[in-house]
Structure formats: C-alpha cells, structure tokens
C-alpha cells in the first residue's frame, strides 16, 4: 500500500512541506503588465499611495480576502500573517457582540461559544490553573455571550461515528478495494493537502465523519436550536480552537445551510486570540471569579 502513495507520505522520506500548486486567486501582490510603472509611497500613518509618472497620488486600499476566496493553494492560512482574514477573528467577534447588544430584542442572536479541550489545556498551562478552574473562569470571562460549551462531548460523538464507519468499511473491503485503509479527516490542513496533491486517488480512503468542531456546529445549529425553539440563523456560533486551519474548515461550503443561509460555525478564534481578548480587557484569567459550566 505504501508504494502507491507519493514520497512525502512515506516515512522513509518524510516531508510535510506543501509547495504552491497554483497561483492565489487574490494574491497580496499583483503584477500588472502593459502600463507605465508607478511608485508606492508609504505615509507616516501607514497608508499606501500609488504615485504615477505625473506625480499624481492615489490611495490604495488594504488587501483583503475572505476564507471563501482562499483555495489553500500553498498553506498561506497558517504561514502568511500579512493576509487579512475577515469574519474569522476575535475582532469580528467583538464587532458582532457590540452590534447584537445594540439591536432590537427581536433581532438579537443567541451567541454560543464552544471551547476545545486543547485550547482549555493551553490556557490552563499559561495561567497556571487546573482544567476545571480554567473552564469555570473562561465561562465567566465570556459571559457577554449567552452560552459557553465544552466540545469534549462532540469529540466523543465524532469518535463513535468513526468507529461505526470503520466497522462498515471493514465489512465492505471484499467488494470495495478503497474501503481500507480509512484515513482520519479531523485535520483541515491534512484535508487540503490530500485534495490538492492526491485528489480522487486518496479521497475515497478519507473518513466521512465530521471533525469535533463541525459535529459541535451541527449540534448547536440543530439539536440546541430546536431545544430553544430557534431557527439556526438566530444563533451565532463561535468556536475556540488550537489551530488556524479550523477557520478554513468552518468556511467550507460543505458546512453551509442553504435553507437558513448560515454556517454551522460562524466564527473560529484561536487560543492566542483568547489571550488577546484578555489582554485587551486588562484581565488575568487567574483573577476571574469561577462560574458554573453551561450544559446543552
């Protein structure tokens, strides 16, 4: 089986570097041809101006893309900090909370934050707290939202479904040569690599089970919404994850509800962005009073 995969997947020549496979559809720098050369001037306030040969200056807009525009062609989501990712940041969360607070009662959304156990563990280590203490204090700090959930049980859902899928594939291997091996699908970076590099050859081997983040998205926008008698679009769902690639996963069209025009996960912030929120508020998590954990 190993011989059928490329060299970068063989342990003998391990190399996880992803070379650019195509040009970005919205590159930060665009080379224009057929026009007179122009100079770029940077002002003291950081703004950019394009100055042509006649001395005329034109202010340039900041390069901006959304995750829908990005094709993850060369891993730029995690390696190019110069690219501004909108709608997937702690600034966007703060903006949504402010707008939600100012909106009329009937137009306000229920804001739910789901925290991954990896992020909770990282915050606990950083703040020198126990896991339960961290969860309780984080619940207090995030109480400008309506509910704070732990994604541990969605991880259990994902694991159980993976077990069922493996058993099903195991029994089908005589009829389906691509039933095994079954490869994990929880890492969006790996999925991007597989889709871009190996395509139709490797995709049948990848598990169809949703990642814990997206299982949580289905539970929040499905089960929880029904429990609260809300439509999915009346809930704004945020996840706290350890990896920036989770932002890309949440933005995939696979997890978009066409009927209600909403995503299972509306915004993903990383552990580092939670620390930025704490710093912005001038708060130490160790000094925050604990609060009871929310349950679904």
C-alpha atoms as a PDB file:
ATOM      1  CA  UNK A   1       0.000   0.000   0.000  1.00  0.00           C
ATOM      2  CA  UNK A   2       2.790   2.454   0.920  1.00  0.00           C
ATOM      3  CA  UNK A   3       4.289   2.220  -2.560  1.00  0.00           C
ATOM      4  CA  UNK A   4       1.096   3.642  -4.046  1.00  0.00           C
ATOM      5  CA  UNK A   5       1.489   6.915  -2.180  1.00  0.00           C
ATOM      6  CA  UNK A   6       3.874   9.720  -3.058  1.00  0.00           C
ATOM      7  CA  UNK A   7       7.246  10.132  -1.418  1.00  0.00           C
ATOM      8  CA  UNK A   8       6.058  12.804   1.006  1.00  0.00           C
ATOM      9  CA  UNK A   9       3.724  10.270   2.614  1.00  0.00           C
ATOM     10  CA  UNK A  10       6.385   7.608   3.103  1.00  0.00           C
ATOM     11  CA  UNK A  11       8.112   7.525   6.478  1.00  0.00           C
ATOM     12  CA  UNK A  12      11.454   6.944   4.758  1.00  0.00           C
ATOM     13  CA  UNK A  13      11.313  10.390   3.137  1.00  0.00           C
ATOM     14  CA  UNK A  14       9.043  12.321   5.499  1.00  0.00           C
ATOM     15  CA  UNK A  15       8.415  15.875   4.309  1.00  0.00           C
ATOM     16  CA  UNK A  16       5.253  17.811   5.194  1.00  0.00           C
ATOM     17  CA  UNK A  17       6.094  20.886   3.114  1.00  0.00           C
ATOM     18  CA  UNK A  18       3.356  21.785   0.633  1.00  0.00           C
ATOM     19  CA  UNK A  19       4.736  23.506  -2.431  1.00  0.00           C
ATOM     20  CA  UNK A  20       2.482  26.100  -4.135  1.00  0.00           C
ATOM     21  CA  UNK A  21       0.293  24.214  -6.581  1.00  0.00           C
ATOM     22  CA  UNK A  22      -1.299  27.188  -8.308  1.00  0.00           C
ATOM     23  CA  UNK A  23      -1.484  30.945  -8.181  1.00  0.00           C
ATOM     24  CA  UNK A  24      -3.619  32.507  -5.475  1.00  0.00           C
ATOM     25  CA  UNK A  25      -6.844  33.873  -6.939  1.00  0.00           C
ATOM     26  CA  UNK A  26      -6.415  37.031  -4.866  1.00  0.00           C
ATOM     27  CA  UNK A  27      -2.673  37.477  -4.319  1.00  0.00           C
ATOM     28  CA  UNK A  28      -1.418  40.153  -1.944  1.00  0.00           C
ATOM     29  CA  UNK A  29       0.866  41.452  -4.684  1.00  0.00           C
ATOM     30  CA  UNK A  30      -0.461  41.710  -8.230  1.00  0.00           C
ATOM     31  CA  UNK A  31       1.939  42.229 -11.103  1.00  0.00           C
ATOM     32  CA  UNK A  32       0.298  44.469 -13.705  1.00  0.00           C
ATOM     33  CA  UNK A  33       1.617  44.474 -17.241  1.00  0.00           C
ATOM     34  CA  UNK A  34       1.211  46.863 -20.124  1.00  0.00           C
ATOM     35  CA  UNK A  35       1.011  50.023 -18.014  1.00  0.00           C
ATOM     36  CA  UNK A  36       3.504  52.695 -17.067  1.00  0.00           C
ATOM     37  CA  UNK A  37       5.485  51.999 -13.923  1.00  0.00           C
ATOM     38  CA  UNK A  38       4.312  53.638 -10.708  1.00  0.00           C
ATOM     39  CA  UNK A  39       5.894  54.099  -7.306  1.00  0.00           C
ATOM     40  CA  UNK A  40       4.397  53.220  -3.938  1.00  0.00           C
ATOM     41  CA  UNK A  41       4.675  55.803  -1.151  1.00  0.00           C
ATOM     42  CA  UNK A  42       4.088  54.896   2.488  1.00  0.00           C
ATOM     43  CA  UNK A  43       2.799  57.705   4.704  1.00  0.00           C
ATOM     44  CA  UNK A  44       3.591  58.170   8.394  1.00  0.00           C
ATOM     45  CA  UNK A  45       0.189  56.748   9.356  1.00  0.00           C
ATOM     46  CA  UNK A  46       0.928  53.533   7.467  1.00  0.00           C
ATOM     47  CA  UNK A  47      -1.336  54.240   4.486  1.00  0.00           C
ATOM     48  CA  UNK A  48      -0.144  53.415   0.961  1.00  0.00           C
ATOM     49  CA  UNK A  49      -0.274  55.725  -2.065  1.00  0.00           C
ATOM     50  CA  UNK A  50       0.455  54.903  -5.700  1.00  0.00           C
ATOM     51  CA  UNK A  51       2.313  57.723  -7.432  1.00  0.00           C
ATOM     52  CA  UNK A  52       2.324  57.741 -11.243  1.00  0.00           C
ATOM     53  CA  UNK A  53       4.881  59.373 -13.548  1.00  0.00           C
ATOM     54  CA  UNK A  54       2.934  62.659 -13.496  1.00  0.00           C
ATOM     55  CA  UNK A  55       3.239  62.861  -9.727  1.00  0.00           C
ATOM     56  CA  UNK A  56      -0.438  62.146  -9.087  1.00  0.00           C
ATOM     57  CA  UNK A  57      -1.051  60.101  -5.935  1.00  0.00           C
ATOM     58  CA  UNK A  58      -3.869  57.646  -5.391  1.00  0.00           C
ATOM     59  CA  UNK A  59      -4.546  55.993  -2.025  1.00  0.00           C
ATOM     60  CA  UNK A  60      -4.507  52.211  -2.177  1.00  0.00           C
ATOM     61  CA  UNK A  61      -6.982  50.015  -0.348  1.00  0.00           C
ATOM     62  CA  UNK A  62      -5.726  47.365   2.062  1.00  0.00           C
ATOM     63  CA  UNK A  63      -5.537  43.913   0.507  1.00  0.00           C
ATOM     64  CA  UNK A  64      -8.363  41.835   1.926  1.00  0.00           C
ATOM     65  CA  UNK A  65      -9.654  38.337   1.288  1.00  0.00           C
ATOM     66  CA  UNK A  66     -12.179  36.062   2.932  1.00  0.00           C
ATOM     67  CA  UNK A  67     -11.655  32.382   3.569  1.00  0.00           C
ATOM     68  CA  UNK A  68     -14.142  31.676   0.788  1.00  0.00           C
ATOM     69  CA  UNK A  69     -11.695  33.299  -1.642  1.00  0.00           C
ATOM     70  CA  UNK A  70      -8.749  31.233  -0.432  1.00  0.00           C
ATOM     71  CA  UNK A  71      -8.025  27.874  -2.023  1.00  0.00           C
ATOM     72  CA  UNK A  72      -5.300  26.933   0.497  1.00  0.00           C
ATOM     73  CA  UNK A  73      -3.012  26.621  -2.516  1.00  0.00           C
ATOM     74  CA  UNK A  74       0.200  26.895  -0.512  1.00  0.00           C
ATOM     75  CA  UNK A  75      -0.730  26.760   3.146  1.00  0.00           C
ATOM     76  CA  UNK A  76      -0.953  30.551   3.401  1.00  0.00           C
ATOM     77  CA  UNK A  77      -3.643  30.420   6.106  1.00  0.00           C
ATOM     78  CA  UNK A  78      -1.007  29.453   8.662  1.00  0.00           C
ATOM     79  CA  UNK A  79       2.144  30.971   7.145  1.00  0.00           C
ATOM     80  CA  UNK A  80       1.250  34.404   5.712  1.00  0.00           C
ATOM     81  CA  UNK A  81       0.300  36.768   8.520  1.00  0.00           C
ATOM     82  CA  UNK A  82       0.107  39.658   6.056  1.00  0.00           C
ATOM     83  CA  UNK A  83      -3.150  38.348   4.606  1.00  0.00           C
ATOM     84  CA  UNK A  84      -6.120  39.799   6.455  1.00  0.00           C
ATOM     85  CA  UNK A  85      -8.726  37.124   7.144  1.00  0.00           C
ATOM     86  CA  UNK A  86     -12.114  38.715   7.720  1.00  0.00           C
ATOM     87  CA  UNK A  87     -15.086  37.189   9.550  1.00  0.00           C
ATOM     88  CA  UNK A  88     -12.829  34.739  11.397  1.00  0.00           C
ATOM     89  CA  UNK A  89     -11.163  36.719  14.175  1.00  0.00           C
ATOM     90  CA  UNK A  90     -11.601  37.995  17.711  1.00  0.00           C
ATOM     91  CA  UNK A  91     -12.179  41.474  16.263  1.00  0.00           C
ATOM     92  CA  UNK A  92     -15.143  40.123  14.318  1.00  0.00           C
ATOM     93  CA  UNK A  93     -16.494  38.505  17.491  1.00  0.00           C
ATOM     94  CA  UNK A  94     -16.257  41.803  19.377  1.00  0.00           C
ATOM     95  CA  UNK A  95     -17.977  43.570  16.487  1.00  0.00           C
ATOM     96  CA  UNK A  96     -20.825  41.042  16.414  1.00  0.00           C
ATOM     97  CA  UNK A  97     -21.303  41.274  20.189  1.00  0.00           C
ATOM     98  CA  UNK A  98     -21.488  45.082  20.018  1.00  0.00           C
ATOM     99  CA  UNK A  99     -23.995  45.037  17.143  1.00  0.00           C
ATOM    100  CA  UNK A 100     -26.030  42.341  18.860  1.00  0.00           C
ATOM    101  CA  UNK A 101     -26.219  44.375  22.060  1.00  0.00           C
ATOM    102  CA  UNK A 102     -27.417  47.449  20.156  1.00  0.00           C
ATOM    103  CA  UNK A 103     -30.009  45.550  18.100  1.00  0.00           C
ATOM    104  CA  UNK A 104     -33.695  45.359  18.942  1.00  0.00           C
ATOM    105  CA  UNK A 105     -34.651  42.407  21.145  1.00  0.00           C
ATOM    106  CA  UNK A 106     -36.414  40.536  18.327  1.00  0.00           C
ATOM    107  CA  UNK A 107     -33.358  40.904  16.079  1.00  0.00           C
ATOM    108  CA  UNK A 108     -30.725  39.802  18.583  1.00  0.00           C
ATOM    109  CA  UNK A 109     -28.975  36.469  18.106  1.00  0.00           C
ATOM    110  CA  UNK A 110     -28.127  33.893  20.738  1.00  0.00           C
ATOM    111  CA  UNK A 111     -24.322  33.783  20.902  1.00  0.00           C
ATOM    112  CA  UNK A 112     -22.762  30.417  21.716  1.00  0.00           C
ATOM    113  CA  UNK A 113     -19.039  29.791  22.297  1.00  0.00           C
ATOM    114  CA  UNK A 114     -17.699  26.225  22.135  1.00  0.00           C
ATOM    115  CA  UNK A 115     -14.243  25.726  23.678  1.00  0.00           C
ATOM    116  CA  UNK A 116     -11.978  22.856  22.620  1.00  0.00           C
ATOM    117  CA  UNK A 117     -10.178  20.832  25.331  1.00  0.00           C
ATOM    118  CA  UNK A 118      -6.819  21.594  23.651  1.00  0.00           C
ATOM    119  CA  UNK A 119      -7.388  25.349  23.981  1.00  0.00           C
ATOM    120  CA  UNK A 120      -8.551  24.949  27.557  1.00  0.00           C
ATOM    121  CA  UNK A 121      -5.406  22.950  28.384  1.00  0.00           C
ATOM    122  CA  UNK A 122      -3.157  25.577  26.759  1.00  0.00           C
ATOM    123  CA  UNK A 123      -4.846  28.385  28.702  1.00  0.00           C
ATOM    124  CA  UNK A 124      -4.568  26.353  31.912  1.00  0.00           C
ATOM    125  CA  UNK A 125      -0.829  25.885  31.373  1.00  0.00           C
ATOM    126  CA  UNK A 126      -0.344  29.561  30.508  1.00  0.00           C
ATOM    127  CA  UNK A 127      -2.297  30.802  33.535  1.00  0.00           C
ATOM    128  CA  UNK A 128      -1.082  28.037  35.896  1.00  0.00           C
ATOM    129  CA  UNK A 129      -4.621  26.853  36.643  1.00  0.00           C
ATOM    130  CA  UNK A 130      -6.357  23.484  36.720  1.00  0.00           C
ATOM    131  CA  UNK A 131      -8.516  22.442  33.772  1.00  0.00           C
ATOM    132  CA  UNK A 132     -11.795  22.847  35.679  1.00  0.00           C
ATOM    133  CA  UNK A 133     -10.693  26.193  37.125  1.00  0.00           C
ATOM    134  CA  UNK A 134      -9.813  27.401  33.632  1.00  0.00           C
ATOM    135  CA  UNK A 135     -13.164  26.291  32.209  1.00  0.00           C
ATOM    136  CA  UNK A 136     -15.108  27.991  35.016  1.00  0.00           C
ATOM    137  CA  UNK A 137     -13.161  31.251  34.775  1.00  0.00           C
ATOM    138  CA  UNK A 138     -13.367  31.273  30.989  1.00  0.00           C
ATOM    139  CA  UNK A 139     -17.142  30.879  31.295  1.00  0.00           C
ATOM    140  CA  UNK A 140     -17.221  33.985  33.488  1.00  0.00           C
ATOM    141  CA  UNK A 141     -14.976  35.989  31.158  1.00  0.00           C
ATOM    142  CA  UNK A 142     -17.101  35.107  28.124  1.00  0.00           C
ATOM    143  CA  UNK A 143     -20.418  35.879  29.787  1.00  0.00           C
ATOM    144  CA  UNK A 144     -21.076  38.678  27.330  1.00  0.00           C
ATOM    145  CA  UNK A 145     -22.231  35.695  25.263  1.00  0.00           C
ATOM    146  CA  UNK A 146     -25.211  33.549  26.195  1.00  0.00           C
ATOM    147  CA  UNK A 147     -23.725  30.055  26.443  1.00  0.00           C
ATOM    148  CA  UNK A 148     -20.226  28.595  26.781  1.00  0.00           C
ATOM    149  CA  UNK A 149     -19.942  24.888  25.946  1.00  0.00           C
ATOM    150  CA  UNK A 150     -17.155  22.314  26.096  1.00  0.00           C
ATOM    151  CA  UNK A 151     -16.525  20.418  22.850  1.00  0.00           C
ATOM    152  CA  UNK A 152     -15.317  17.259  24.625  1.00  0.00           C
ATOM    153  CA  UNK A 153     -18.655  15.516  24.132  1.00  0.00           C
ATOM    154  CA  UNK A 154     -18.708  16.420  20.422  1.00  0.00           C
ATOM    155  CA  UNK A 155     -15.297  14.737  20.200  1.00  0.00           C
ATOM    156  CA  UNK A 156     -16.914  11.635  21.675  1.00  0.00           C
ATOM    157  CA  UNK A 157     -19.672  11.807  19.041  1.00  0.00           C
ATOM    158  CA  UNK A 158     -17.037  12.058  16.321  1.00  0.00           C
ATOM    159  CA  UNK A 159     -15.073   9.121  17.739  1.00  0.00           C
ATOM    160  CA  UNK A 160     -18.172   6.902  17.950  1.00  0.00           C
ATOM    161  CA  UNK A 161     -19.122   7.708  14.366  1.00  0.00           C
ATOM    162  CA  UNK A 162     -15.558   6.976  13.238  1.00  0.00           C
ATOM    163  CA  UNK A 163     -15.783   3.582  14.922  1.00  0.00           C
ATOM    164  CA  UNK A 164     -19.043   2.792  13.125  1.00  0.00           C
ATOM    165  CA  UNK A 165     -17.593   3.891   9.801  1.00  0.00           C
ATOM    166  CA  UNK A 166     -14.509   1.722  10.257  1.00  0.00           C
ATOM    167  CA  UNK A 167     -16.612  -1.363  11.035  1.00  0.00           C
ATOM    168  CA  UNK A 168     -18.746  -0.669   7.962  1.00  0.00           C
ATOM    169  CA  UNK A 169     -15.669  -0.254   5.751  1.00  0.00           C
ATOM    170  CA  UNK A 170     -14.084  -3.389   7.226  1.00  0.00           C
ATOM    171  CA  UNK A 171     -17.072  -5.495   6.197  1.00  0.00           C
ATOM    172  CA  UNK A 172     -17.109  -3.892   2.724  1.00  0.00           C
ATOM    173  CA  UNK A 173     -13.425  -4.371   1.891  1.00  0.00           C
ATOM    174  CA  UNK A 174     -14.062  -7.536  -0.163  1.00  0.00           C
ATOM    175  CA  UNK A 175     -16.385  -5.619  -2.525  1.00  0.00           C
ATOM    176  CA  UNK A 176     -14.740  -2.190  -2.265  1.00  0.00           C
ATOM    177  CA  UNK A 177     -10.968  -2.101  -2.713  1.00  0.00           C
ATOM    178  CA  UNK A 178     -10.899   1.501  -1.467  1.00  0.00           C
ATOM    179  CA  UNK A 179     -12.706   0.758   1.794  1.00  0.00           C
ATOM    180  CA  UNK A 180      -9.411   0.416   3.678  1.00  0.00           C
ATOM    181  CA  UNK A 181      -7.234   1.940   4.891  1.00  0.00           C
ATOM    182  CA  UNK A 182      -9.505   4.555   6.432  1.00  0.00           C
ATOM    183  CA  UNK A 183      -7.695   7.855   6.972  1.00  0.00           C
ATOM    184  CA  UNK A 184      -8.666  10.443   9.587  1.00  0.00           C
ATOM    185  CA  UNK A 185     -10.479  13.590   8.443  1.00  0.00           C
ATOM    186  CA  UNK A 186     -10.396  15.829  11.536  1.00  0.00           C
ATOM    187  CA  UNK A 187      -7.406  17.959  10.447  1.00  0.00           C
ATOM    188  CA  UNK A 188      -8.334  20.563   7.781  1.00  0.00           C
ATOM    189  CA  UNK A 189      -4.663  21.067   6.885  1.00  0.00           C
ATOM    190  CA  UNK A 190      -4.367  17.390   6.002  1.00  0.00           C
ATOM    191  CA  UNK A 191      -7.631  17.502   4.030  1.00  0.00           C
ATOM    192  CA  UNK A 192      -6.363  20.471   1.977  1.00  0.00           C
ATOM    193  CA  UNK A 193      -3.128  18.611   1.295  1.00  0.00           C
ATOM    194  CA  UNK A 194      -4.972  15.444   0.261  1.00  0.00           C
ATOM    195  CA  UNK A 195      -7.392  17.268  -2.027  1.00  0.00           C
ATOM    196  CA  UNK A 196      -4.696  19.350  -3.708  1.00  0.00           C
ATOM    197  CA  UNK A 197      -1.997  16.718  -4.002  1.00  0.00           C
ATOM    198  CA  UNK A 198      -3.667  13.320  -4.384  1.00  0.00           C
ATOM    199  CA  UNK A 199      -7.262  14.147  -5.345  1.00  0.00           C
ATOM    200  CA  UNK A 200      -9.535  11.299  -6.413  1.00  0.00           C
ATOM    201  CA  UNK A 201      -6.944   8.643  -5.565  1.00  0.00           C
ATOM    202  CA  UNK A 202      -6.854   9.334  -1.832  1.00  0.00           C
ATOM    203  CA  UNK A 203     -10.246  10.956  -1.138  1.00  0.00           C
ATOM    204  CA  UNK A 204     -12.169   7.617  -1.061  1.00  0.00           C
ATOM    205  CA  UNK A 205      -9.883   6.494   1.789  1.00  0.00           C
ATOM    206  CA  UNK A 206     -10.659   9.556   3.929  1.00  0.00           C
ATOM    207  CA  UNK A 207     -13.242   9.172   6.684  1.00  0.00           C
ATOM    208  CA  UNK A 208     -16.561  10.892   6.010  1.00  0.00           C
ATOM    209  CA  UNK A 209     -17.029  11.624   9.724  1.00  0.00           C
ATOM    210  CA  UNK A 210     -17.188  15.285  10.666  1.00  0.00           C
ATOM    211  CA  UNK A 211     -14.484  16.747  12.880  1.00  0.00           C
ATOM    212  CA  UNK A 212     -15.368  17.518  16.529  1.00  0.00           C
ATOM    213  CA  UNK A 213     -15.695  21.210  15.606  1.00  0.00           C
ATOM    214  CA  UNK A 214     -18.231  20.528  12.872  1.00  0.00           C
ATOM    215  CA  UNK A 215     -20.092  17.945  14.968  1.00  0.00           C
ATOM    216  CA  UNK A 216     -20.445  20.686  17.571  1.00  0.00           C
ATOM    217  CA  UNK A 217     -21.683  23.015  14.851  1.00  0.00           C
ATOM    218  CA  UNK A 218     -24.375  20.518  13.866  1.00  0.00           C
ATOM    219  CA  UNK A 219     -25.424  20.055  17.498  1.00  0.00           C
ATOM    220  CA  UNK A 220     -25.604  23.794  18.207  1.00  0.00           C
ATOM    221  CA  UNK A 221     -27.416  24.757  14.993  1.00  0.00           C
ATOM    222  CA  UNK A 222     -29.561  21.583  15.067  1.00  0.00           C
ATOM    223  CA  UNK A 223     -30.355  19.992  18.423  1.00  0.00           C
ATOM    224  CA  UNK A 224     -29.695  23.059  20.602  1.00  0.00           C
ATOM    225  CA  UNK A 225     -31.638  25.347  18.244  1.00  0.00           C
ATOM    226  CA  UNK A 226     -34.642  23.008  18.433  1.00  0.00           C
ATOM    227  CA  UNK A 227     -34.416  22.900  22.233  1.00  0.00           C
ATOM    228  CA  UNK A 228     -34.516  26.700  22.362  1.00  0.00           C
ATOM    229  CA  UNK A 229     -37.178  26.942  19.615  1.00  0.00           C
ATOM    230  CA  UNK A 230     -34.845  28.966  17.410  1.00  0.00           C
ATOM    231  CA  UNK A 231     -34.041  28.771  13.720  1.00  0.00           C
ATOM    232  CA  UNK A 232     -30.334  28.075  13.017  1.00  0.00           C
ATOM    233  CA  UNK A 233     -29.760  31.585  11.667  1.00  0.00           C
ATOM    234  CA  UNK A 234     -30.798  33.061  15.033  1.00  0.00           C
ATOM    235  CA  UNK A 235     -27.695  31.545  16.638  1.00  0.00           C
ATOM    236  CA  UNK A 236     -24.172  32.938  16.238  1.00  0.00           C
ATOM    237  CA  UNK A 237     -21.777  30.081  16.949  1.00  0.00           C
ATOM    238  CA  UNK A 238     -18.124  30.684  17.842  1.00  0.00           C
ATOM    239  CA  UNK A 239     -15.507  28.007  18.472  1.00  0.00           C
ATOM    240  CA  UNK A 240     -12.191  28.364  20.290  1.00  0.00           C
ATOM    241  CA  UNK A 241      -9.669  26.097  18.584  1.00  0.00           C
ATOM    242  CA  UNK A 242      -5.892  25.465  18.791  1.00  0.00           C
ATOM    243  CA  UNK A 243      -5.270  25.696  15.032  1.00  0.00           C
ATOM    244  CA  UNK A 244      -5.760  28.483  12.484  1.00  0.00           C
ATOM    245  CA  UNK A 245      -6.729  25.948   9.821  1.00  0.00           C
ATOM    246  CA  UNK A 246     -10.001  25.415  11.692  1.00  0.00           C
ATOM    247  CA  UNK A 247     -11.038  28.807  10.332  1.00  0.00           C
ATOM    248  CA  UNK A 248     -10.731  27.399   6.835  1.00  0.00           C
ATOM    249  CA  UNK A 249     -12.690  24.281   7.776  1.00  0.00           C
ATOM    250  CA  UNK A 250     -15.606  26.305   9.165  1.00  0.00           C
ATOM    251  CA  UNK A 251     -15.787  28.291   5.914  1.00  0.00           C
ATOM    252  CA  UNK A 252     -16.105  25.268   3.631  1.00  0.00           C
ATOM    253  CA  UNK A 253     -19.374  25.199   1.632  1.00  0.00           C
ATOM    254  CA  UNK A 254     -19.988  21.657   2.952  1.00  0.00           C
ATOM    255  CA  UNK A 255     -20.972  23.181   6.292  1.00  0.00           C
ATOM    256  CA  UNK A 256     -23.265  25.932   4.994  1.00  0.00           C
ATOM    257  CA  UNK A 257     -27.041  25.659   5.461  1.00  0.00           C
ATOM    258  CA  UNK A 258     -28.586  26.896   2.214  1.00  0.00           C
ATOM    259  CA  UNK A 259     -32.115  26.968   3.638  1.00  0.00           C
ATOM    260  CA  UNK A 260     -31.268  29.319   6.504  1.00  0.00           C
ATOM    261  CA  UNK A 261     -28.185  30.912   4.900  1.00  0.00           C
ATOM    262  CA  UNK A 262     -25.998  30.216   7.905  1.00  0.00           C
ATOM    263  CA  UNK A 263     -22.871  28.243   8.738  1.00  0.00           C
ATOM    264  CA  UNK A 264     -22.632  25.524  11.377  1.00  0.00           C
ATOM    265  CA  UNK A 265     -19.722  27.517  12.836  1.00  0.00           C
ATOM    266  CA  UNK A 266     -19.895  31.255  12.183  1.00  0.00           C
ATOM    267  CA  UNK A 267     -16.540  32.274  13.637  1.00  0.00           C
ATOM    268  CA  UNK A 268     -13.386  30.497  14.787  1.00  0.00           C
ATOM    269  CA  UNK A 269     -10.910  32.120  17.152  1.00  0.00           C
ATOM    270  CA  UNK A 270      -7.675  30.555  18.310  1.00  0.00           C
ATOM    271  CA  UNK A 271      -6.274  30.131  21.804  1.00  0.00           C
ATOM    272  CA  UNK A 272      -3.907  33.019  21.108  1.00  0.00           C
ATOM    273  CA  UNK A 273      -6.823  35.259  20.175  1.00  0.00           C
ATOM    274  CA  UNK A 274      -8.498  34.475  23.515  1.00  0.00           C
ATOM    275  CA  UNK A 275      -5.302  35.676  25.192  1.00  0.00           C
ATOM    276  CA  UNK A 276      -5.514  38.847  23.092  1.00  0.00           C
ATOM    277  CA  UNK A 277      -9.082  39.396  24.315  1.00  0.00           C
ATOM    278  CA  UNK A 278      -7.891  39.001  27.905  1.00  0.00           C
ATOM    279  CA  UNK A 279      -5.065  41.481  27.279  1.00  0.00           C
ATOM    280  CA  UNK A 280      -7.426  43.988  25.647  1.00  0.00           C
ATOM    281  CA  UNK A 281      -9.667  43.861  28.713  1.00  0.00           C
ATOM    282  CA  UNK A 282      -6.681  44.039  31.053  1.00  0.00           C
ATOM    283  CA  UNK A 283      -7.836  40.840  32.739  1.00  0.00           C
ATOM    284  CA  UNK A 284      -5.872  37.902  34.110  1.00  0.00           C
ATOM    285  CA  UNK A 285      -7.791  34.639  33.926  1.00  0.00           C
ATOM    286  CA  UNK A 286      -6.452  33.699  37.371  1.00  0.00           C
ATOM    287  CA  UNK A 287      -8.229  36.750  38.857  1.00  0.00           C
ATOM    288  CA  UNK A 288     -11.625  35.998  37.280  1.00  0.00           C
ATOM    289  CA  UNK A 289     -14.298  34.519  39.539  1.00  0.00           C
ATOM    290  CA  UNK A 290     -15.405  30.995  38.546  1.00  0.00           C
ATOM    291  CA  UNK A 291     -18.899  30.355  37.172  1.00  0.00           C
ATOM    292  CA  UNK A 292     -20.919  27.144  36.687  1.00  0.00           C
ATOM    293  CA  UNK A 293     -20.350  25.439  33.356  1.00  0.00           C
ATOM    294  CA  UNK A 294     -23.125  25.558  30.770  1.00  0.00           C
ATOM    295  CA  UNK A 295     -24.649  22.308  29.529  1.00  0.00           C
ATOM    296  CA  UNK A 296     -26.591  21.566  26.377  1.00  0.00           C
END
